[in-house]
Amino acid sequence: MDDGGNQFLPSRAMAQWKCRLCGFAQYHQVTVLRPNRTRYTTSFYACSGCTTMFLNPETFNGWRPVTCGEATVAFPRIVTLRQRRR
């Protein structure tokens, strides 16, 4: 899966992409540095703003609800924890 370092080039799909969590407008394909100092390109993508990882940029797009056939894929609910009173 090594693409020669092209994972940071903008694509047409990226021009209409927005992170669901932080709203940042760019993502990149995740690469891992191996112990022998070579890079391995994974099948994961990550938001360039908050570094949330995902498999498919089209289904993680925050611009509009994504449909799979007739079923709509719901956005995940974000839960924030309340601090305890002292």
Protein backbone atom coordinates (compact mmCIF):
# COMPACT_ATOMS: atom_id res chain seq x y z
CA MET A 1 0.00 0.00 0.00
CA ASP A 2 2.96 2.36 -0.16
CA ASP A 3 2.00 5.25 -2.44
CA GLY A 4 5.30 7.11 -2.44
CA GLY A 5 4.25 9.91 -0.09
CA ASN A 6 1.18 11.18 -1.98
CA GLN A 7 -1.11 10.85 1.06
CA PHE A 8 -0.93 14.61 1.74
CA LEU A 9 -2.04 15.76 -1.71
CA PRO A 10 -5.54 17.30 -1.69
CA SER A 11 -8.22 15.44 -3.59
CA ARG A 12 -11.58 16.48 -5.01
CA ALA A 13 -13.33 14.56 -2.21
CA MET A 14 -11.28 16.38 0.43
CA ALA A 15 -12.53 19.74 -0.87
CA GLN A 16 -16.00 18.81 0.44
CA TRP A 17 -14.96 17.05 3.65
CA LYS A 18 -15.33 18.25 7.25
CA CYS A 19 -14.51 16.39 10.48
CA ARG A 20 -17.60 15.38 12.45
CA LEU A 21 -15.93 16.11 15.77
CA CYS A 22 -13.83 19.26 15.38
CA GLY A 23 -14.97 20.71 12.02
CA PHE A 24 -11.46 20.75 10.48
CA ALA A 25 -11.50 20.51 6.67
CA GLN A 26 -8.49 18.24 5.97
CA TYR A 27 -7.56 14.62 6.56
CA HIS A 28 -4.57 12.43 5.70
CA GLN A 29 -3.78 8.75 5.32
CA VAL A 30 -2.03 7.34 8.37
CA THR A 31 1.54 6.10 7.98
CA VAL A 32 3.52 4.16 10.56
CA LEU A 33 7.27 4.20 11.03
CA ARG A 34 8.59 0.64 11.31
CA PRO A 35 11.54 -0.34 13.54
CA ASN A 36 13.76 -0.56 10.43
CA ARG A 37 12.94 3.15 9.74
CA THR A 38 10.73 2.48 6.67
CA ARG A 39 7.21 3.89 6.42
CA TYR A 40 4.10 1.76 6.03
CA THR A 41 0.90 3.34 4.69
CA THR A 42 -2.11 1.93 6.55
CA SER A 43 -5.74 1.74 5.44
CA PHE A 44 -6.68 4.32 8.11
CA TYR A 45 -7.27 8.05 7.67
CA ALA A 46 -7.02 10.74 10.35
CA CYS A 47 -8.39 14.24 10.76
CA SER A 48 -5.48 16.68 10.45
CA GLY A 49 -7.04 18.84 13.18
CA CYS A 50 -8.01 16.52 16.05
CA THR A 51 -6.26 13.30 14.81
CA THR A 52 -9.42 11.18 15.11
CA MET A 53 -8.87 8.01 13.05
CA PHE A 54 -11.43 6.49 10.68
CA LEU A 55 -11.56 4.02 7.80
CA ASN A 56 -13.70 5.81 5.24
CA PRO A 57 -13.61 9.59 4.70
CA GLU A 58 -16.97 9.52 2.90
CA THR A 59 -18.83 8.03 5.86
CA PHE A 60 -17.01 10.24 8.40
CA ASN A 61 -17.88 13.43 6.52
CA GLY A 62 -19.57 16.03 8.71
CA TRP A 63 -21.11 18.12 5.89
CA ARG A 64 -24.22 16.01 5.41
CA PRO A 65 -25.83 12.77 6.63
CA VAL A 66 -24.49 9.78 4.74
CA THR A 67 -26.92 7.15 3.51
CA CYS A 68 -26.18 3.48 2.96
CA GLY A 69 -28.97 2.22 0.75
CA GLU A 70 -32.15 3.14 2.59
CA ALA A 71 -30.71 3.26 6.09
CA THR A 72 -29.17 6.51 7.29
CA VAL A 73 -25.91 6.28 9.21
CA ALA A 74 -26.39 8.31 12.38
CA PHE A 75 -23.72 10.61 13.73
CA PRO A 76 -22.24 9.39 17.00
CA ARG A 77 -23.53 11.04 20.14
CA ILE A 78 -20.84 13.00 21.96
CA VAL A 79 -21.00 12.64 25.72
CA THR A 80 -19.14 15.00 28.02
CA LEU A 81 -18.49 14.00 31.60
CA ARG A 82 -19.42 16.37 34.39
CA GLN A 83 -16.92 17.16 37.08
CA ARG A 84 -17.65 15.95 40.59
CA ARG A 85 -18.43 18.48 43.26
CA ARG A 86 -15.93 18.65 46.08
